[in-house]
Amino acid sequence: AGQSGDVIEVYRQIIAIYRDRLKLPVMVANIYNQILQVDPENIEALNALEERYRAAGRWNDLVVVLDRKADTARATGDDEDFITLCAEIAEIWRGRFSNYARAAEYYELILEYRPDDQVTLDGLISLYEQRKEWQALYEAYQRKLDCVSGAERFELLEKMATLAARR
C-alpha cells in the first residue's frame, strides 16, 4: 500500500502540472485513469473523471465511472450511495441511449435493496410497457401490488386482469 501511495502522489503532482501549467485536460484524464490502474477504488480519481465526463457529455465514459463508483459503494456497504448511483445509471441508459434492457438491470439492482421503492417500480413498469415485455410487466405489477392499497390497488388489479386476459 505504501508503494502504491507513493505512485499516486507522483501522479497527483503530474496532474497539477498538466492541469495548471500546461492546460492539457486530456492528459489529466489519462493520469486519473492511470491512478485507477493502481487503485481501482480511488474516489478522488473517480470523482474527477465523473466531473470531466459529465461536463463534456461523454455519457459512455460517465456510465463506466458511475458503475465503478457503484461497485465501490456496494463493496463498502454504502447502500444509499449505491442506490443513488444505480438510479442515475438507469436514467442515463434510458434517457441518453434508449437502452431499456440496461436501464432495467439497474432498476432491478435497486429493488434488491428496496423492494418497495415506488419510483423504481414505476420506472420498471414503464420500461416493460414500452418494450412490450408482458411477462416481466405482469411480474412488476405483482411486486407493486404489495406496496399499494385502496383505489390504487384496485386499478392495479384491473390492469393485471386486463393484461392476463389479452396476453
C-alpha atoms as a PDB file:
ATOM      1  CA  ALA A   1       0.000   0.000   0.000  1.00  0.00           C
ATOM      2  CA  GLY A   2       2.881   2.349   0.755  1.00  0.00           C
ATOM      3  CA  GLN A   3       4.424   1.961  -2.677  1.00  0.00           C
ATOM      4  CA  SER A   4       1.107   2.494  -4.457  1.00  0.00           C
ATOM      5  CA  GLY A   5       0.543   5.561  -2.272  1.00  0.00           C
ATOM      6  CA  ASP A   6       3.877   6.954  -3.455  1.00  0.00           C
ATOM      7  CA  VAL A   7       2.941   6.292  -7.081  1.00  0.00           C
ATOM      8  CA  ILE A   8      -0.417   8.009  -6.606  1.00  0.00           C
ATOM      9  CA  GLU A   9       1.285  11.024  -5.020  1.00  0.00           C
ATOM     10  CA  VAL A  10       3.579  11.340  -8.064  1.00  0.00           C
ATOM     11  CA  TYR A  11       0.526  11.084 -10.314  1.00  0.00           C
ATOM     12  CA  ARG A  12      -1.148  13.894  -8.349  1.00  0.00           C
ATOM     13  CA  GLN A  13       1.887  16.109  -8.960  1.00  0.00           C
ATOM     14  CA  ILE A  14       1.792  15.280 -12.668  1.00  0.00           C
ATOM     15  CA  ILE A  15      -1.925  16.113 -12.746  1.00  0.00           C
ATOM     16  CA  ALA A  16      -1.224  19.505 -11.217  1.00  0.00           C
ATOM     17  CA  ILE A  17       1.346  20.237 -13.926  1.00  0.00           C
ATOM     18  CA  TYR A  18      -0.900  19.108 -16.781  1.00  0.00           C
ATOM     19  CA  ARG A  19      -3.920  20.919 -15.359  1.00  0.00           C
ATOM     20  CA  ASP A  20      -2.416  24.158 -14.043  1.00  0.00           C
ATOM     21  CA  ARG A  21       0.668  24.839 -16.133  1.00  0.00           C
ATOM     22  CA  LEU A  22       0.222  23.040 -19.438  1.00  0.00           C
ATOM     23  CA  LYS A  23      -3.589  23.185 -19.643  1.00  0.00           C
ATOM     24  CA  LEU A  24      -3.882  19.664 -21.086  1.00  0.00           C
ATOM     25  CA  PRO A  25      -7.200  18.268 -19.850  1.00  0.00           C
ATOM     26  CA  VAL A  26      -6.884  15.072 -21.911  1.00  0.00           C
ATOM     27  CA  MET A  27      -3.611  14.251 -20.173  1.00  0.00           C
ATOM     28  CA  VAL A  28      -5.195  14.985 -16.801  1.00  0.00           C
ATOM     29  CA  ALA A  29      -7.918  12.421 -17.556  1.00  0.00           C
ATOM     30  CA  ASN A  30      -5.275   9.931 -18.711  1.00  0.00           C
ATOM     31  CA  ILE A  31      -3.372  10.291 -15.428  1.00  0.00           C
ATOM     32  CA  TYR A  32      -6.562   9.827 -13.408  1.00  0.00           C
ATOM     33  CA  ASN A  33      -7.138   6.624 -15.363  1.00  0.00           C
ATOM     34  CA  GLN A  34      -3.579   5.543 -14.523  1.00  0.00           C
ATOM     35  CA  ILE A  35      -4.351   6.141 -10.845  1.00  0.00           C
ATOM     36  CA  LEU A  36      -7.316   3.811 -11.222  1.00  0.00           C
ATOM     37  CA  GLN A  37      -4.960   1.171 -12.625  1.00  0.00           C
ATOM     38  CA  VAL A  38      -3.003   1.340  -9.362  1.00  0.00           C
ATOM     39  CA  ASP A  39      -6.011   1.861  -7.059  1.00  0.00           C
ATOM     40  CA  PRO A  40      -9.310   0.876  -8.765  1.00  0.00           C
ATOM     41  CA  GLU A  41     -11.405   2.348  -5.945  1.00  0.00           C
ATOM     42  CA  ASN A  42      -9.632   5.717  -5.744  1.00  0.00           C
ATOM     43  CA  ILE A  43     -12.566   8.021  -5.099  1.00  0.00           C
ATOM     44  CA  GLU A  44     -10.588  11.182  -5.954  1.00  0.00           C
ATOM     45  CA  ALA A  45      -9.861   9.865  -9.447  1.00  0.00           C
ATOM     46  CA  LEU A  46     -13.397   8.554  -9.912  1.00  0.00           C
ATOM     47  CA  ASN A  47     -14.917  11.886  -8.855  1.00  0.00           C
ATOM     48  CA  ALA A  48     -12.563  13.872 -11.099  1.00  0.00           C
ATOM     49  CA  LEU A  49     -13.332  11.686 -14.109  1.00  0.00           C
ATOM     50  CA  GLU A  50     -17.056  11.835 -13.356  1.00  0.00           C
ATOM     51  CA  GLU A  51     -16.924  15.624 -13.322  1.00  0.00           C
ATOM     52  CA  ARG A  52     -14.964  15.794 -16.582  1.00  0.00           C
ATOM     53  CA  TYR A  53     -17.097  13.264 -18.449  1.00  0.00           C
ATOM     54  CA  ARG A  54     -20.338  14.827 -17.242  1.00  0.00           C
ATOM     55  CA  ALA A  55     -19.203  18.327 -18.312  1.00  0.00           C
ATOM     56  CA  ALA A  56     -18.069  17.030 -21.710  1.00  0.00           C
ATOM     57  CA  GLY A  57     -21.219  14.981 -22.282  1.00  0.00           C
ATOM     58  CA  ARG A  58     -19.180  11.789 -22.608  1.00  0.00           C
ATOM     59  CA  TRP A  59     -22.026   9.552 -21.500  1.00  0.00           C
ATOM     60  CA  ASN A  60     -20.402   6.196 -22.268  1.00  0.00           C
ATOM     61  CA  ASP A  61     -17.355   7.086 -20.198  1.00  0.00           C
ATOM     62  CA  LEU A  62     -19.553   8.563 -17.468  1.00  0.00           C
ATOM     63  CA  VAL A  63     -21.544   5.334 -17.161  1.00  0.00           C
ATOM     64  CA  VAL A  64     -18.305   3.363 -16.738  1.00  0.00           C
ATOM     65  CA  VAL A  65     -17.141   5.689 -13.953  1.00  0.00           C
ATOM     66  CA  LEU A  66     -20.524   5.727 -12.214  1.00  0.00           C
ATOM     67  CA  ASP A  67     -20.643   1.941 -12.409  1.00  0.00           C
ATOM     68  CA  ARG A  68     -17.210   1.737 -10.761  1.00  0.00           C
ATOM     69  CA  LYS A  69     -18.378   4.131  -8.060  1.00  0.00           C
ATOM     70  CA  ALA A  70     -21.487   1.985  -7.527  1.00  0.00           C
ATOM     71  CA  ASP A  71     -19.320  -1.129  -7.168  1.00  0.00           C
ATOM     72  CA  THR A  72     -17.175   0.678  -4.612  1.00  0.00           C
ATOM     73  CA  ALA A  73     -20.245   1.867  -2.698  1.00  0.00           C
ATOM     74  CA  ARG A  74     -21.656  -1.661  -2.639  1.00  0.00           C
ATOM     75  CA  ALA A  75     -18.314  -3.124  -1.518  1.00  0.00           C
ATOM     76  CA  THR A  76     -18.064  -0.631   1.355  1.00  0.00           C
ATOM     77  CA  GLY A  77     -21.693  -1.139   2.400  1.00  0.00           C
ATOM     78  CA  ASP A  78     -22.839   2.368   1.423  1.00  0.00           C
ATOM     79  CA  ASP A  79     -26.299   1.275   0.282  1.00  0.00           C
ATOM     80  CA  GLU A  80     -27.674   4.799  -0.123  1.00  0.00           C
ATOM     81  CA  ASP A  81     -24.860   5.852  -2.455  1.00  0.00           C
ATOM     82  CA  PHE A  82     -25.145   2.561  -4.343  1.00  0.00           C
ATOM     83  CA  ILE A  83     -28.872   3.060  -4.891  1.00  0.00           C
ATOM     84  CA  THR A  84     -28.430   6.702  -5.946  1.00  0.00           C
ATOM     85  CA  LEU A  85     -25.733   5.750  -8.446  1.00  0.00           C
ATOM     86  CA  CYS A  86     -27.790   2.872  -9.851  1.00  0.00           C
ATOM     87  CA  ALA A  87     -30.754   5.212 -10.339  1.00  0.00           C
ATOM     88  CA  GLU A  88     -28.579   7.693 -12.208  1.00  0.00           C
ATOM     89  CA  ILE A  89     -27.045   4.989 -14.379  1.00  0.00           C
ATOM     90  CA  ALA A  90     -30.511   3.630 -15.180  1.00  0.00           C
ATOM     91  CA  GLU A  91     -31.667   7.082 -16.244  1.00  0.00           C
ATOM     92  CA  ILE A  92     -28.616   7.557 -18.480  1.00  0.00           C
ATOM     93  CA  TRP A  93     -29.209   4.193 -20.152  1.00  0.00           C
ATOM     94  CA  ARG A  94     -32.873   5.051 -20.585  1.00  0.00           C
ATOM     95  CA  GLY A  95     -32.691   8.736 -21.489  1.00  0.00           C
ATOM     96  CA  ARG A  96     -29.394   9.089 -23.341  1.00  0.00           C
ATOM     97  CA  PHE A  97     -29.107   5.720 -25.053  1.00  0.00           C
ATOM     98  CA  SER A  98     -32.703   4.420 -25.140  1.00  0.00           C
ATOM     99  CA  ASN A  99     -31.256   1.137 -23.899  1.00  0.00           C
ATOM    100  CA  TYR A 100     -34.173  -0.075 -21.832  1.00  0.00           C
ATOM    101  CA  ALA A 101     -32.705  -3.504 -21.119  1.00  0.00           C
ATOM    102  CA  ARG A 102     -29.648  -1.980 -19.418  1.00  0.00           C
ATOM    103  CA  ALA A 103     -31.831   0.522 -17.542  1.00  0.00           C
ATOM    104  CA  ALA A 104     -33.994  -2.358 -16.294  1.00  0.00           C
ATOM    105  CA  GLU A 105     -30.878  -4.131 -14.957  1.00  0.00           C
ATOM    106  CA  TYR A 106     -30.106  -1.152 -12.741  1.00  0.00           C
ATOM    107  CA  TYR A 107     -33.706  -0.754 -11.625  1.00  0.00           C
ATOM    108  CA  GLU A 108     -33.651  -4.425 -10.599  1.00  0.00           C
ATOM    109  CA  LEU A 109     -30.454  -3.841  -8.598  1.00  0.00           C
ATOM    110  CA  ILE A 110     -32.188  -1.034  -6.700  1.00  0.00           C
ATOM    111  CA  LEU A 111     -35.174  -3.267  -5.996  1.00  0.00           C
ATOM    112  CA  GLU A 112     -32.882  -5.888  -4.467  1.00  0.00           C
ATOM    113  CA  TYR A 113     -32.127  -3.306  -1.762  1.00  0.00           C
ATOM    114  CA  ARG A 114     -35.523  -1.594  -1.688  1.00  0.00           C
ATOM    115  CA  PRO A 115     -38.242  -3.958  -2.912  1.00  0.00           C
ATOM    116  CA  ASP A 116     -40.961  -1.393  -2.154  1.00  0.00           C
ATOM    117  CA  ASP A 117     -39.365   1.592  -3.936  1.00  0.00           C
ATOM    118  CA  GLN A 118     -42.381   3.064  -5.757  1.00  0.00           C
ATOM    119  CA  VAL A 119     -40.379   5.319  -8.079  1.00  0.00           C
ATOM    120  CA  THR A 120     -38.172   2.456  -9.209  1.00  0.00           C
ATOM    121  CA  LEU A 121     -41.125   0.103  -9.630  1.00  0.00           C
ATOM    122  CA  ASP A 122     -42.922   2.725 -11.720  1.00  0.00           C
ATOM    123  CA  GLY A 123     -39.802   3.192 -13.857  1.00  0.00           C
ATOM    124  CA  LEU A 124     -39.530  -0.539 -14.376  1.00  0.00           C
ATOM    125  CA  ILE A 125     -43.228  -0.832 -15.245  1.00  0.00           C
ATOM    126  CA  SER A 126     -42.845   1.982 -17.763  1.00  0.00           C
ATOM    127  CA  LEU A 127     -39.867   0.244 -19.370  1.00  0.00           C
ATOM    128  CA  TYR A 128     -41.665  -3.070 -19.653  1.00  0.00           C
ATOM    129  CA  GLU A 129     -44.718  -1.351 -21.152  1.00  0.00           C
ATOM    130  CA  GLN A 130     -42.551   0.383 -23.764  1.00  0.00           C
ATOM    131  CA  ARG A 131     -40.741  -2.843 -24.621  1.00  0.00           C
ATOM    132  CA  LYS A 132     -43.985  -4.834 -24.610  1.00  0.00           C
ATOM    133  CA  GLU A 133     -42.449  -7.382 -22.253  1.00  0.00           C
ATOM    134  CA  TRP A 134     -45.737  -8.673 -20.960  1.00  0.00           C
ATOM    135  CA  GLN A 135     -44.498 -11.367 -18.580  1.00  0.00           C
ATOM    136  CA  ALA A 136     -41.986  -9.010 -16.952  1.00  0.00           C
ATOM    137  CA  LEU A 137     -44.661  -6.290 -16.810  1.00  0.00           C
ATOM    138  CA  TYR A 138     -47.081  -8.636 -15.051  1.00  0.00           C
ATOM    139  CA  GLU A 139     -44.367  -9.586 -12.542  1.00  0.00           C
ATOM    140  CA  ALA A 140     -43.592  -5.900 -11.915  1.00  0.00           C
ATOM    141  CA  TYR A 141     -47.304  -5.293 -11.327  1.00  0.00           C
ATOM    142  CA  GLN A 142     -47.304  -8.147  -8.796  1.00  0.00           C
ATOM    143  CA  ARG A 143     -44.363  -6.572  -6.974  1.00  0.00           C
ATOM    144  CA  LYS A 144     -46.107  -3.220  -6.868  1.00  0.00           C
ATOM    145  CA  LEU A 145     -49.290  -4.832  -5.583  1.00  0.00           C
ATOM    146  CA  ASP A 146     -47.587  -5.346  -2.212  1.00  0.00           C
ATOM    147  CA  CYS A 147     -46.929  -1.610  -1.957  1.00  0.00           C
ATOM    148  CA  VAL A 148     -50.323  -0.092  -2.761  1.00  0.00           C
ATOM    149  CA  SER A 149     -53.770  -0.055  -1.221  1.00  0.00           C
ATOM    150  CA  GLY A 150     -57.256   1.292  -1.766  1.00  0.00           C
ATOM    151  CA  ALA A 151     -58.217   2.643  -5.176  1.00  0.00           C
ATOM    152  CA  GLU A 152     -54.657   2.391  -6.445  1.00  0.00           C
ATOM    153  CA  ARG A 153     -54.611  -1.321  -5.595  1.00  0.00           C
ATOM    154  CA  PHE A 154     -57.940  -1.824  -7.363  1.00  0.00           C
ATOM    155  CA  GLU A 155     -56.652  -0.030 -10.500  1.00  0.00           C
ATOM    156  CA  LEU A 156     -53.523  -2.158 -10.483  1.00  0.00           C
ATOM    157  CA  LEU A 157     -55.540  -5.372 -10.142  1.00  0.00           C
ATOM    158  CA  GLU A 158     -57.669  -4.229 -13.057  1.00  0.00           C
ATOM    159  CA  LYS A 159     -54.530  -3.645 -15.182  1.00  0.00           C
ATOM    160  CA  MET A 160     -53.225  -7.071 -14.203  1.00  0.00           C
ATOM    161  CA  ALA A 161     -56.512  -8.730 -15.148  1.00  0.00           C
ATOM    162  CA  THR A 162     -56.614  -6.928 -18.479  1.00  0.00           C
ATOM    163  CA  LEU A 163     -53.016  -7.866 -19.225  1.00  0.00           C
ATOM    164  CA  ALA A 164     -53.630 -11.511 -18.278  1.00  0.00           C
ATOM    165  CA  ALA A 165     -56.724 -11.664 -20.476  1.00  0.00           C
ATOM    166  CA  ARG A 166     -55.091 -10.089 -23.533  1.00  0.00           C
ATOM    167  CA  ARG A 167     -51.608 -11.579 -23.378  1.00  0.00           C
END
